[in-house]
Amino acid sequence: MNLFSTPDNPVPDSAESGMLRTSDGVSLRYAYWRAAARARGTVCVFPGRTEKIEKYFETAEDLRGRGFSVAVLDWRGQGGSQRLLRNPMKGHVGAFSEYQLDLEAFMRDIVLPNCPAPYYALAHSMGAAILLESARLDKRWFNRMVLSTPMLDLAMVRHERAARRTARVLNAAGLSRVYVPHNGRLRAGELIFEGNRLTSDPVRFARNLAISVEHPVLDVGPPTIGWVKSAFDQMDRLTDPATARVIRQPLLMVGAGADKVVSTPAIERLGSRLIAGAHIVLPGARHELLQERDEFRQPFLAAFDAFIPGSAAAAA
């Protein structure tokens, strides 16, 4: 499947893209760009839930400008990757462990054969949780990881204990493929900037909205009960105090001070316990740090530069 352009979001030059197949037979879309000059390594970008490769074109250009090759993956069930249910708008996964199969296939079949070492990860929200789980399982794909607002707990669920119980009961009752209750907005075109939880930048919000409006095949709607149940299970594993003691992967977590999607205090708690990791919080920023206004996005990139070897020198 090709990459898609919009007037305000053209495909960066020299993109190579295609489809790969996981060990359980799911087709995933990927893209990568080689560094403009001699590469200082490769940054692998892992989006959050509902996101797609196109949303990270700007970030890919930022990283290439720092001297890195860049590789990006669409997780199963979203973007240009294979949808798992007959209704392609349902955000579904049988278990979060399936995302580890996506990560393994992407690294073994695309990144390792085609992209120069050393390898670094830049992941957002759900993608960051998947990368943390990989580190918990001691899968050492990357020299270092930078994780933007990792999904360790939810800030947008008022009665979380009840939500957890309900998701598990309904999942056990065979309703895993049913939508969770939602406000009726299934398509991105129905979203508006005012009151959104994701970004305070109206320009990047409009750009990202246009991607989904002009190319609805990339869009995905609310999650299913099965996805939510599996997400709660994953978050429980990551916030277990034992998890911090077993992670040896060097990583930096960056939280958003005004995040109303995931829990910033949960990020701070895990960050304070990590042996090989650290965390910072950007006051006032909303959930999507790489889609935020420059006053928040630039400090995030500065933290990336400080943590990833070679990046600061390339940027300078």
Protein backbone atom coordinates (compact mmCIF):
# COMPACT_ATOMS: atom_id res chain seq x y z
CA MET A 1 0.00 0.00 0.00
CA ASN A 2 1.24 3.46 -0.89
CA LEU A 3 1.73 6.40 1.40
CA PHE A 4 -0.82 9.21 1.16
CA SER A 5 -0.24 12.93 0.76
CA THR A 6 -2.35 15.97 1.54
CA PRO A 7 -1.51 19.53 0.45
CA ASP A 8 -0.16 20.40 3.90
CA ASN A 9 1.46 17.01 4.51
CA PRO A 10 3.36 15.73 1.46
CA VAL A 11 5.20 12.42 1.56
CA PRO A 12 8.88 13.11 2.34
CA ASP A 13 11.23 12.38 -0.54
CA SER A 14 12.84 8.95 -1.02
CA ALA A 15 10.25 6.99 0.94
CA GLU A 16 10.31 3.22 0.65
CA SER A 17 7.13 1.49 1.78
CA GLY A 18 5.37 -1.81 1.56
CA MET A 19 3.65 -4.59 3.45
CA LEU A 20 5.11 -7.28 5.69
CA ARG A 21 3.50 -10.34 7.25
CA THR A 22 3.65 -11.32 10.91
CA SER A 23 4.12 -14.85 12.22
CA ASP A 24 0.34 -15.11 12.80
CA GLY A 25 -0.43 -13.98 9.25
CA VAL A 26 -1.39 -10.31 9.69
CA SER A 27 -0.30 -7.84 6.98
CA LEU A 28 1.32 -4.63 8.25
CA ARG A 29 2.25 -1.46 6.39
CA TYR A 30 5.69 0.06 6.93
CA ALA A 31 7.78 2.90 5.54
CA TYR A 32 11.38 3.94 5.87
CA TRP A 33 13.63 6.76 4.77
CA ARG A 34 17.40 6.63 4.52
CA ALA A 35 19.40 9.46 6.05
CA ALA A 36 20.34 12.24 3.66
CA ALA A 37 24.05 11.74 4.38
CA ARG A 38 25.98 9.10 6.30
CA ALA A 39 23.52 7.80 8.88
CA ARG A 40 24.13 8.05 12.61
CA GLY A 41 21.77 5.13 13.07
CA THR A 42 18.06 4.49 12.67
CA VAL A 43 15.14 5.82 14.69
CA CYS A 44 12.11 3.52 14.62
CA VAL A 45 8.85 5.41 15.19
CA PHE A 46 5.89 3.62 16.80
CA PRO A 47 2.55 5.49 16.73
CA GLY A 48 -0.26 5.43 19.25
CA ARG A 49 -3.77 4.02 18.90
CA THR A 50 -5.66 5.23 15.78
CA GLU A 51 -2.51 6.84 14.35
CA LYS A 52 -0.93 6.21 10.99
CA ILE A 53 2.45 6.66 9.29
CA GLU A 54 1.29 9.85 7.56
CA LYS A 55 0.89 11.60 10.91
CA TYR A 56 4.65 11.31 11.45
CA PHE A 57 5.92 12.77 8.16
CA GLU A 58 7.02 15.97 9.95
CA THR A 59 8.77 13.94 12.66
CA ALA A 60 10.50 11.80 10.03
CA GLU A 61 11.91 14.95 8.43
CA ASP A 62 13.06 16.23 11.83
CA LEU A 63 14.88 12.97 12.51
CA ARG A 64 16.47 12.80 9.06
CA GLY A 65 17.68 16.35 9.62
CA ARG A 66 19.45 15.04 12.71
CA GLY A 67 21.31 12.48 10.61
CA PHE A 68 19.15 9.41 11.22
CA SER A 69 17.43 6.97 8.94
CA VAL A 70 13.78 6.60 9.96
CA ALA A 71 11.43 3.59 9.93
CA VAL A 72 7.73 3.73 10.88
CA LEU A 73 5.16 0.96 11.42
CA ASP A 74 1.37 0.88 11.30
CA TRP A 75 0.19 -1.45 14.08
CA ARG A 76 -2.32 -4.16 13.20
CA GLY A 77 -5.89 -2.91 13.02
CA GLN A 78 -5.09 0.70 12.09
CA GLY A 79 -3.55 2.93 9.45
CA GLY A 80 -2.71 1.03 6.29
CA SER A 81 -2.33 -2.31 8.08
CA GLN A 82 -4.80 -5.18 7.98
CA ARG A 83 -7.99 -4.67 9.98
CA LEU A 84 -8.95 -7.52 12.26
CA LEU A 85 -12.76 -7.34 12.06
CA ARG A 86 -15.30 -7.11 9.25
CA ASN A 87 -16.06 -3.53 10.30
CA PRO A 88 -12.73 -1.75 9.58
CA MET A 89 -13.64 1.16 11.85
CA LYS A 90 -13.53 -0.96 15.01
CA GLY A 91 -10.26 -0.56 16.91
CA HIS A 92 -9.69 -4.15 17.96
CA VAL A 93 -7.01 -6.57 19.06
CA GLY A 94 -7.41 -10.02 20.59
CA ALA A 95 -4.63 -9.42 23.13
CA PHE A 96 -1.87 -6.86 23.49
CA SER A 97 0.66 -9.69 23.14
CA GLU A 98 -0.20 -9.66 19.43
CA TYR A 99 1.48 -6.27 19.10
CA GLN A 100 4.75 -7.93 20.12
CA LEU A 101 4.43 -10.04 16.95
CA ASP A 102 4.13 -6.80 14.96
CA LEU A 103 7.26 -5.40 16.58
CA GLU A 104 9.25 -8.57 15.99
CA ALA A 105 8.28 -8.85 12.31
CA PHE A 106 9.04 -5.17 11.68
CA MET A 107 12.48 -5.38 13.25
CA ARG A 108 13.51 -8.74 11.77
CA ASP A 109 12.12 -8.31 8.25
CA ILE A 110 12.46 -4.55 7.60
CA VAL A 111 14.69 -2.67 10.03
CA LEU A 112 17.59 -5.08 10.55
CA PRO A 113 18.05 -5.95 6.85
CA ASN A 114 17.54 -2.44 5.45
CA CYS A 115 18.39 0.20 8.04
CA PRO A 116 21.77 1.10 9.56
CA ALA A 117 22.62 0.46 13.21
CA PRO A 118 22.56 1.56 15.98
CA TYR A 119 18.80 1.42 16.53
CA TYR A 120 16.72 3.78 18.63
CA ALA A 121 12.98 3.88 19.33
CA LEU A 122 10.62 6.84 19.47
CA ALA A 123 7.15 5.72 20.55
CA HIS A 124 3.91 7.43 21.55
CA SER A 125 1.13 6.44 23.99
CA MET A 126 -0.05 2.92 23.08
CA GLY A 127 3.12 2.43 21.03
CA ALA A 128 5.17 3.42 24.07
CA ALA A 129 3.30 0.88 26.22
CA ILE A 130 4.06 -1.83 23.65
CA LEU A 131 7.74 -0.89 23.69
CA LEU A 132 7.79 -0.93 27.51
CA GLU A 133 6.27 -4.41 27.46
CA SER A 134 9.02 -5.48 25.06
CA ALA A 135 11.59 -4.15 27.54
CA ARG A 136 9.81 -5.94 30.40
CA LEU A 137 10.18 -9.16 28.40
CA ASP A 138 13.90 -8.35 27.95
CA LYS A 139 13.71 -8.00 24.16
CA ARG A 140 16.67 -5.74 23.38
CA TRP A 141 15.94 -4.38 19.92
CA PHE A 142 17.14 -0.83 20.70
CA ASN A 143 20.13 0.90 22.21
CA ARG A 144 17.83 3.54 23.72
CA MET A 145 14.14 4.41 23.70
CA VAL A 146 12.31 7.74 24.02
CA LEU A 147 8.68 7.26 25.04
CA SER A 148 6.14 10.06 24.63
CA THR A 149 3.25 9.98 27.15
CA PRO A 150 3.29 6.17 27.56
CA MET A 151 -0.09 4.57 28.22
CA LEU A 152 0.42 3.28 31.77
CA ASP A 153 -2.97 4.32 33.13
CA LEU A 154 -5.89 6.36 31.82
CA ALA A 155 -6.80 9.89 32.81
CA MET A 156 -10.02 10.08 30.76
CA VAL A 157 -11.92 7.30 32.59
CA ARG A 158 -13.79 8.64 35.62
CA HIS A 159 -14.75 5.37 37.29
CA GLU A 160 -11.79 3.21 36.33
CA ARG A 161 -12.38 0.28 38.69
CA ALA A 162 -15.94 -0.09 37.46
CA ALA A 163 -14.75 0.23 33.85
CA ARG A 164 -12.18 -2.52 34.38
CA ARG A 165 -14.73 -4.86 35.90
CA THR A 166 -17.29 -4.14 33.21
CA ALA A 167 -14.79 -4.69 30.38
CA ARG A 168 -13.71 -8.03 31.82
CA VAL A 169 -17.27 -9.24 32.44
CA LEU A 170 -18.45 -8.25 28.96
CA ASN A 171 -15.34 -9.74 27.36
CA ALA A 172 -15.93 -13.03 29.18
CA ALA A 173 -19.56 -12.93 27.99
CA GLY A 174 -18.40 -13.01 24.38
CA LEU A 175 -18.80 -9.32 23.58
CA SER A 176 -15.12 -8.60 22.91
CA ARG A 177 -15.84 -7.32 19.37
CA VAL A 178 -18.51 -4.83 20.39
CA TYR A 179 -17.71 -1.11 20.53
CA VAL A 180 -17.26 0.42 23.94
CA PRO A 181 -19.88 3.13 24.63
CA HIS A 182 -18.93 6.28 22.74
CA ASN A 183 -20.30 9.68 21.78
CA GLY A 184 -21.36 8.58 18.31
CA ARG A 185 -18.44 10.21 16.47
CA LEU A 186 -16.87 7.45 14.40
CA ARG A 187 -15.16 9.44 11.66
CA ALA A 188 -12.34 11.92 12.14
CA GLY A 189 -14.27 14.48 10.09
CA GLU A 190 -16.73 14.78 12.94
CA LEU A 191 -14.04 16.00 15.36
CA ILE A 192 -13.46 19.65 16.21
CA PHE A 193 -10.46 21.48 17.63
CA GLU A 194 -12.26 23.17 20.53
CA GLY A 195 -12.08 20.99 23.62
CA ASN A 196 -9.89 18.30 22.08
CA ARG A 197 -7.56 16.45 24.48
CA LEU A 198 -4.73 15.84 22.03
CA THR A 199 -3.04 19.12 21.08
CA SER A 200 -3.24 22.86 21.60
CA ASP A 201 -1.87 23.47 18.09
CA PRO A 202 -4.74 24.29 15.68
CA VAL A 203 -2.50 24.02 12.61
CA ARG A 204 -1.22 20.51 13.34
CA PHE A 205 -4.70 19.46 14.48
CA ALA A 206 -6.15 20.58 11.13
CA ARG A 207 -3.32 18.91 9.21
CA ASN A 208 -3.87 15.58 10.95
CA LEU A 209 -7.63 15.84 10.55
CA ALA A 210 -7.21 16.41 6.81
CA ILE A 211 -5.25 13.15 6.50
CA SER A 212 -8.22 11.17 7.78
CA VAL A 213 -10.84 13.21 5.92
CA GLU A 214 -9.07 12.94 2.55
CA HIS A 215 -7.95 9.33 3.06
CA PRO A 216 -10.63 7.67 5.24
CA VAL A 217 -9.20 4.22 4.51
CA LEU A 218 -6.53 5.07 7.11
CA ASP A 219 -9.04 6.02 9.80
CA VAL A 220 -10.20 3.95 12.76
CA GLY A 221 -12.92 4.60 15.30
CA PRO A 222 -13.44 3.84 19.00
CA PRO A 223 -11.98 0.67 20.53
CA THR A 224 -13.82 -2.55 21.17
CA ILE A 225 -14.46 -4.06 24.59
CA GLY A 226 -11.77 -6.63 23.82
CA TRP A 227 -9.21 -3.93 23.08
CA VAL A 228 -10.05 -2.07 26.29
CA LYS A 229 -9.89 -5.24 28.41
CA SER A 230 -6.50 -6.11 26.89
CA ALA A 231 -5.27 -2.54 27.42
CA PHE A 232 -6.19 -2.69 31.12
CA ASP A 233 -4.33 -6.00 31.42
CA GLN A 234 -1.27 -4.47 29.75
CA MET A 235 -1.32 -1.40 31.96
CA ASP A 236 -1.58 -3.59 35.06
CA ARG A 237 1.58 -5.46 34.01
CA LEU A 238 3.50 -2.24 33.42
CA THR A 239 2.47 -0.55 36.67
CA ASP A 240 3.23 -3.62 38.81
CA PRO A 241 6.12 -2.53 41.08
CA ALA A 242 8.07 -5.62 39.97
CA THR A 243 8.20 -4.32 36.39
CA ALA A 244 10.55 -1.43 37.20
CA ARG A 245 13.03 -3.87 38.74
CA VAL A 246 13.27 -6.10 35.66
CA ILE A 247 13.58 -3.44 32.93
CA ARG A 248 17.22 -2.95 31.97
CA GLN A 249 16.56 -1.04 28.76
CA PRO A 250 17.92 2.54 28.80
CA LEU A 251 14.89 4.74 28.20
CA LEU A 252 13.48 8.21 28.70
CA MET A 253 9.76 8.75 29.34
CA VAL A 254 8.29 12.20 28.66
CA GLY A 255 4.96 13.09 30.23
CA ALA A 256 2.60 15.95 29.42
CA GLY A 257 1.57 18.19 32.29
CA ALA A 258 -1.94 18.81 30.91
CA ASP A 259 -2.54 15.27 29.66
CA LYS A 260 -6.23 14.26 29.88
CA VAL A 261 -5.78 10.97 28.01
CA VAL A 262 -3.17 9.02 29.97
CA SER A 263 -2.03 9.42 33.57
CA THR A 264 1.05 11.59 34.03
CA PRO A 265 1.37 10.59 37.74
CA ALA A 266 1.62 6.94 36.61
CA ILE A 267 4.51 7.91 34.33
CA GLU A 268 6.22 9.69 37.22
CA ARG A 269 5.77 6.71 39.54
CA LEU A 270 7.30 4.25 37.09
CA GLY A 271 10.04 6.70 36.12
CA SER A 272 11.12 7.15 39.73
CA ARG A 273 11.56 3.38 40.11
CA LEU A 274 13.38 2.52 36.88
CA ILE A 275 16.97 1.31 37.16
CA ALA A 276 18.13 2.29 33.65
CA GLY A 277 15.48 4.88 32.85
CA ALA A 278 14.48 8.45 33.55
CA HIS A 279 11.46 10.68 33.08
CA ILE A 280 10.58 14.33 32.64
CA VAL A 281 7.26 16.18 32.42
CA LEU A 282 6.56 19.15 30.12
CA PRO A 283 4.22 21.48 32.05
CA GLY A 284 1.13 22.63 30.16
CA ALA A 285 1.50 20.22 27.24
CA ARG A 286 -1.34 18.00 26.03
CA HIS A 287 -1.16 14.32 25.14
CA GLU A 288 0.36 14.34 21.64
CA LEU A 289 3.73 15.95 22.26
CA LEU A 290 4.95 15.53 18.69
CA GLN A 291 1.76 17.16 17.39
CA GLU A 292 1.83 20.01 19.92
CA ARG A 293 2.73 23.68 19.50
CA ASP A 294 6.44 24.37 19.05
CA GLU A 295 6.74 25.68 22.62
CA PHE A 296 6.11 22.10 23.77
CA ARG A 297 7.35 20.14 20.76
CA GLN A 298 10.79 21.74 20.70
CA PRO A 299 11.58 20.92 24.35
CA PHE A 300 10.54 17.35 23.62
CA LEU A 301 12.95 17.19 20.69
CA ALA A 302 15.65 18.80 22.83
CA ALA A 303 15.17 15.99 25.38
CA PHE A 304 15.46 13.50 22.52
CA ASP A 305 18.69 15.17 21.38
CA ALA A 306 20.15 15.02 24.88
CA PHE A 307 19.29 11.34 25.35
CA ILE A 308 20.05 9.85 21.93
CA PRO A 309 23.79 9.70 21.09
CA GLY A 310 24.80 11.74 18.06
CA SER A 311 21.49 13.56 17.73
CA ALA A 312 22.49 16.89 19.24
CA ALA A 313 25.61 17.15 17.10
CA ALA A 314 23.63 16.37 13.95
CA ALA A 315 20.96 18.94 14.81
CA ALA A 316 23.59 21.60 15.43
